[in-house]
PDB file of N, CA and C in Angstrom:
ATOM      1  N   UNK A   1      24.040 -25.056  -8.838  1.00  0.00           N
ATOM      2  CA  UNK A   1      25.483 -25.061  -8.850  1.00  0.00           C
ATOM      3  C   UNK A   1      25.967 -23.931  -9.745  1.00  0.00           C
ATOM      4  N   UNK A   2      26.985 -23.254  -9.329  1.00  0.00           N
ATOM      5  CA  UNK A   2      27.558 -22.163 -10.114  1.00  0.00           C
ATOM      6  C   UNK A   2      28.908 -22.580 -10.673  1.00  0.00           C
ATOM      7  N   UNK A   3      29.157 -22.205 -11.914  1.00  0.00           N
ATOM      8  CA  UNK A   3      30.437 -22.480 -12.556  1.00  0.00           C
ATOM      9  C   UNK A   3      31.111 -21.163 -12.907  1.00  0.00           C
ATOM     10  N   UNK A   4      32.413 -21.221 -13.129  1.00  0.00           N
ATOM     11  CA  UNK A   4      33.165 -19.994 -13.389  1.00  0.00           C
ATOM     12  C   UNK A   4      33.148 -19.590 -14.849  1.00  0.00           C
ATOM     13  N   UNK A   5      32.724 -20.485 -15.740  1.00  0.00           N
ATOM     14  CA  UNK A   5      32.660 -20.134 -17.158  1.00  0.00           C
ATOM     15  C   UNK A   5      31.603 -20.984 -17.848  1.00  0.00           C
ATOM     16  N   UNK A   6      31.176 -20.529 -19.007  1.00  0.00           N
ATOM     17  CA  UNK A   6      30.199 -21.303 -19.770  1.00  0.00           C
ATOM     18  C   UNK A   6      30.833 -22.608 -20.262  1.00  0.00           C
ATOM     19  N   UNK A   7      32.109 -22.557 -20.621  1.00  0.00           N
ATOM     20  CA  UNK A   7      32.799 -23.774 -21.076  1.00  0.00           C
ATOM     21  C   UNK A   7      32.820 -24.831 -19.970  1.00  0.00           C
ATOM     22  N   UNK A   8      33.071 -24.416 -18.735  1.00  0.00           N
ATOM     23  CA  UNK A   8      33.066 -25.352 -17.607  1.00  0.00           C
ATOM     24  C   UNK A   8      31.668 -25.939 -17.413  1.00  0.00           C
ATOM     25  N   UNK A   9      30.655 -25.116 -17.565  1.00  0.00           N
ATOM     26  CA  UNK A   9      29.275 -25.583 -17.435  1.00  0.00           C
ATOM     27  C   UNK A   9      28.971 -26.649 -18.467  1.00  0.00           C
ATOM     28  N   UNK A  10      29.313 -26.381 -19.721  1.00  0.00           N
ATOM     29  CA  UNK A  10      29.036 -27.344 -20.799  1.00  0.00           C
ATOM     30  C   UNK A  10      29.777 -28.660 -20.567  1.00  0.00           C
ATOM     31  N   UNK A  11      30.998 -28.589 -20.041  1.00  0.00           N
ATOM     32  CA  UNK A  11      31.770 -29.805 -19.745  1.00  0.00           C
ATOM     33  C   UNK A  11      31.046 -30.648 -18.707  1.00  0.00           C
ATOM     34  N   UNK A  12      30.549 -30.001 -17.652  1.00  0.00           N
ATOM     35  CA  UNK A  12      29.865 -30.732 -16.578  1.00  0.00           C
ATOM     36  C   UNK A  12      28.511 -31.276 -17.025  1.00  0.00           C
ATOM     37  N   UNK A  13      27.858 -30.587 -17.975  1.00  0.00           N
ATOM     38  CA  UNK A  13      26.575 -31.084 -18.477  1.00  0.00           C
ATOM     39  C   UNK A  13      26.727 -32.433 -19.164  1.00  0.00           C
ATOM     40  N   UNK A  14      27.881 -32.673 -19.764  1.00  0.00           N
ATOM     41  CA  UNK A  14      28.119 -33.897 -20.523  1.00  0.00           C
ATOM     42  C   UNK A  14      28.651 -35.048 -19.668  1.00  0.00           C
ATOM     43  N   UNK A  15      29.007 -34.779 -18.435  1.00  0.00           N
ATOM     44  CA  UNK A  15      29.585 -35.800 -17.569  1.00  0.00           C
ATOM     45  C   UNK A  15      28.512 -36.764 -17.060  1.00  0.00           C
ATOM     46  N   UNK A  16      28.896 -38.020 -16.935  1.00  0.00           N
ATOM     47  CA  UNK A  16      28.016 -39.026 -16.348  1.00  0.00           C
ATOM     48  C   UNK A  16      28.058 -38.904 -14.822  1.00  0.00           C
ATOM     49  N   UNK A  17      26.931 -39.164 -14.193  1.00  0.00           N
ATOM     50  CA  UNK A  17      26.880 -39.147 -12.734  1.00  0.00           C
ATOM     51  C   UNK A  17      27.625 -40.366 -12.197  1.00  0.00           C
ATOM     52  N   UNK A  18      28.330 -40.211 -11.077  1.00  0.00           N
ATOM     53  CA  UNK A  18      28.984 -41.372 -10.466  1.00  0.00           C
ATOM     54  C   UNK A  18      27.943 -42.429 -10.087  1.00  0.00           C
ATOM     55  N   UNK A  19      28.351 -43.688 -10.117  1.00  0.00           N
ATOM     56  CA  UNK A  19      27.428 -44.794  -9.835  1.00  0.00           C
ATOM     57  C   UNK A  19      26.698 -44.636  -8.504  1.00  0.00           C
ATOM     58  N   UNK A  20      27.412 -44.168  -7.473  1.00  0.00           N
ATOM     59  CA  UNK A  20      26.788 -44.057  -6.151  1.00  0.00           C
ATOM     60  C   UNK A  20      25.776 -42.913  -6.062  1.00  0.00           C
ATOM     61  N   UNK A  21      25.782 -41.994  -7.017  1.00  0.00           N
ATOM     62  CA  UNK A  21      24.832 -40.874  -7.004  1.00  0.00           C
ATOM     63  C   UNK A  21      23.776 -40.953  -8.105  1.00  0.00           C
ATOM     64  N   UNK A  22      23.941 -41.904  -9.014  1.00  0.00           N
ATOM     65  CA  UNK A  22      23.061 -41.980 -10.181  1.00  0.00           C
ATOM     66  C   UNK A  22      21.587 -42.079  -9.787  1.00  0.00           C
ATOM     67  N   UNK A  23      21.245 -42.909  -8.798  1.00  0.00           N
ATOM     68  CA  UNK A  23      19.838 -43.061  -8.410  1.00  0.00           C
ATOM     69  C   UNK A  23      19.277 -41.759  -7.839  1.00  0.00           C
ATOM     70  N   UNK A  24      20.098 -40.993  -7.149  1.00  0.00           N
ATOM     71  CA  UNK A  24      19.630 -39.704  -6.610  1.00  0.00           C
ATOM     72  C   UNK A  24      19.335 -38.713  -7.732  1.00  0.00           C
ATOM     73  N   UNK A  25      20.208 -38.676  -8.741  1.00  0.00           N
ATOM     74  CA  UNK A  25      19.985 -37.778  -9.877  1.00  0.00           C
ATOM     75  C   UNK A  25      18.749 -38.192 -10.672  1.00  0.00           C
ATOM     76  N   UNK A  26      18.537 -39.492 -10.825  1.00  0.00           N
ATOM     77  CA  UNK A  26      17.347 -39.969 -11.528  1.00  0.00           C
ATOM     78  C   UNK A  26      16.078 -39.594 -10.775  1.00  0.00           C
ATOM     79  N   UNK A  27      16.105 -39.724  -9.454  1.00  0.00           N
ATOM     80  CA  UNK A  27      14.942 -39.334  -8.649  1.00  0.00           C
ATOM     81  C   UNK A  27      14.689 -37.831  -8.766  1.00  0.00           C
ATOM     82  N   UNK A  28      15.753 -37.053  -8.703  1.00  0.00           N
ATOM     83  CA  UNK A  28      15.615 -35.598  -8.838  1.00  0.00           C
ATOM     84  C   UNK A  28      14.992 -35.240 -10.184  1.00  0.00           C
ATOM     85  N   UNK A  29      15.441 -35.882 -11.249  1.00  0.00           N
ATOM     86  CA  UNK A  29      14.889 -35.614 -12.576  1.00  0.00           C
ATOM     87  C   UNK A  29      13.411 -35.960 -12.658  1.00  0.00           C
ATOM     88  N   UNK A  30      12.984 -37.026 -11.982  1.00  0.00           N
ATOM     89  CA  UNK A  30      11.566 -37.397 -11.974  1.00  0.00           C
ATOM     90  C   UNK A  30      10.726 -36.375 -11.213  1.00  0.00           C
ATOM     91  N   UNK A  31      11.264 -35.840 -10.129  1.00  0.00           N
ATOM     92  CA  UNK A  31      10.522 -34.885  -9.306  1.00  0.00           C
ATOM     93  C   UNK A  31      10.456 -33.497  -9.934  1.00  0.00           C
ATOM     94  N   UNK A  32      11.421 -33.166 -10.750  1.00  0.00           N
ATOM     95  CA  UNK A  32      11.515 -31.820 -11.323  1.00  0.00           C
ATOM     96  C   UNK A  32      11.328 -31.866 -12.837  1.00  0.00           C
ATOM     97  N   UNK A  33      10.172 -32.289 -13.253  1.00  0.00           N
ATOM     98  CA  UNK A  33       9.930 -32.480 -14.683  1.00  0.00           C
ATOM     99  C   UNK A  33       9.810 -31.179 -15.451  1.00  0.00           C
ATOM    100  N   UNK A  34       9.185 -30.177 -14.892  1.00  0.00           N
ATOM    101  CA  UNK A  34       8.894 -28.955 -15.635  1.00  0.00           C
ATOM    102  C   UNK A  34       9.803 -27.812 -15.193  1.00  0.00           C
ATOM    103  N   UNK A  35      11.095 -28.053 -15.224  1.00  0.00           N
ATOM    104  CA  UNK A  35      12.066 -27.043 -14.816  1.00  0.00           C
ATOM    105  C   UNK A  35      12.672 -26.404 -16.055  1.00  0.00           C
ATOM    106  N   UNK A  36      12.835 -25.092 -16.011  1.00  0.00           N
ATOM    107  CA  UNK A  36      13.493 -24.372 -17.085  1.00  0.00           C
ATOM    108  C   UNK A  36      14.791 -23.795 -16.550  1.00  0.00           C
ATOM    109  N   UNK A  37      15.858 -23.998 -17.293  1.00  0.00           N
ATOM    110  CA  UNK A  37      17.157 -23.466 -16.911  1.00  0.00           C
ATOM    111  C   UNK A  37      17.491 -22.289 -17.815  1.00  0.00           C
ATOM    112  N   UNK A  38      18.120 -21.273 -17.234  1.00  0.00           N
ATOM    113  CA  UNK A  38      18.512 -20.094 -17.988  1.00  0.00           C
ATOM    114  C   UNK A  38      20.017 -19.912 -17.877  1.00  0.00           C
ATOM    115  N   UNK A  39      20.662 -19.645 -19.000  1.00  0.00           N
ATOM    116  CA  UNK A  39      22.083 -19.310 -18.988  1.00  0.00           C
ATOM    117  C   UNK A  39      22.208 -17.817 -18.735  1.00  0.00           C
ATOM    118  N   UNK A  40      22.742 -17.455 -17.586  1.00  0.00           N
ATOM    119  CA  UNK A  40      22.947 -16.053 -17.239  1.00  0.00           C
ATOM    120  C   UNK A  40      24.386 -15.699 -17.567  1.00  0.00           C
ATOM    121  N   UNK A  41      24.583 -15.022 -18.685  1.00  0.00           N
ATOM    122  CA  UNK A  41      25.938 -14.734 -19.152  1.00  0.00           C
ATOM    123  C   UNK A  41      26.627 -13.647 -18.330  1.00  0.00           C
ATOM    124  N   UNK A  42      25.848 -12.713 -17.813  1.00  0.00           N
ATOM    125  CA  UNK A  42      26.418 -11.655 -16.975  1.00  0.00           C
ATOM    126  C   UNK A  42      25.516 -11.423 -15.763  1.00  0.00           C
ATOM    127  N   UNK A  43      25.479 -12.386 -14.851  1.00  0.00           N
ATOM    128  CA  UNK A  43      24.578 -12.241 -13.690  1.00  0.00           C
ATOM    129  C   UNK A  43      25.031 -11.126 -12.757  1.00  0.00           C
ATOM    130  N   UNK A  44      24.054 -10.498 -12.143  1.00  0.00           N
ATOM    131  CA  UNK A  44      24.324  -9.475 -11.140  1.00  0.00           C
ATOM    132  C   UNK A  44      23.673  -9.945  -9.841  1.00  0.00           C
ATOM    133  N   UNK A  45      24.484 -10.144  -8.833  1.00  0.00           N
ATOM    134  CA  UNK A  45      23.985 -10.601  -7.547  1.00  0.00           C
ATOM    135  C   UNK A  45      23.870  -9.404  -6.611  1.00  0.00           C
ATOM    136  N   UNK A  46      22.692  -9.225  -6.036  1.00  0.00           N
ATOM    137  CA  UNK A  46      22.428  -8.074  -5.182  1.00  0.00           C
ATOM    138  C   UNK A  46      21.932  -8.593  -3.838  1.00  0.00           C
ATOM    139  N   UNK A  47      22.531  -8.116  -2.774  1.00  0.00           N
ATOM    140  CA  UNK A  47      22.062  -8.507  -1.444  1.00  0.00           C
ATOM    141  C   UNK A  47      21.023  -7.493  -0.970  1.00  0.00           C
ATOM    142  N   UNK A  48      20.068  -7.957  -0.178  1.00  0.00           N
ATOM    143  CA  UNK A  48      19.019  -7.037   0.300  1.00  0.00           C
ATOM    144  C   UNK A  48      19.613  -6.013   1.266  1.00  0.00           C
ATOM    145  N   UNK A  49      19.020  -4.833   1.216  1.00  0.00           N
ATOM    146  CA  UNK A  49      19.444  -3.772   2.158  1.00  0.00           C
ATOM    147  C   UNK A  49      18.835  -4.056   3.506  1.00  0.00           C
ATOM    148  N   UNK A  50      19.583  -3.717   4.522  1.00  0.00           N
ATOM    149  CA  UNK A  50      19.081  -3.913   5.881  1.00  0.00           C
ATOM    150  C   UNK A  50      18.884  -2.603   6.568  1.00  0.00           C
TER     151      UNK A  50
END
């Protein structure tokens, strides 16, 4: 998921998952144990040349 600012990202990190999605998020967390997240402060998106 992409956010428009770091402040928006931090806000969403602290939010609780809705009850109807909580089991899906818990399953995802179990399947993705060794994931590393990187904060890209100035990402550059490049499309492949054709």
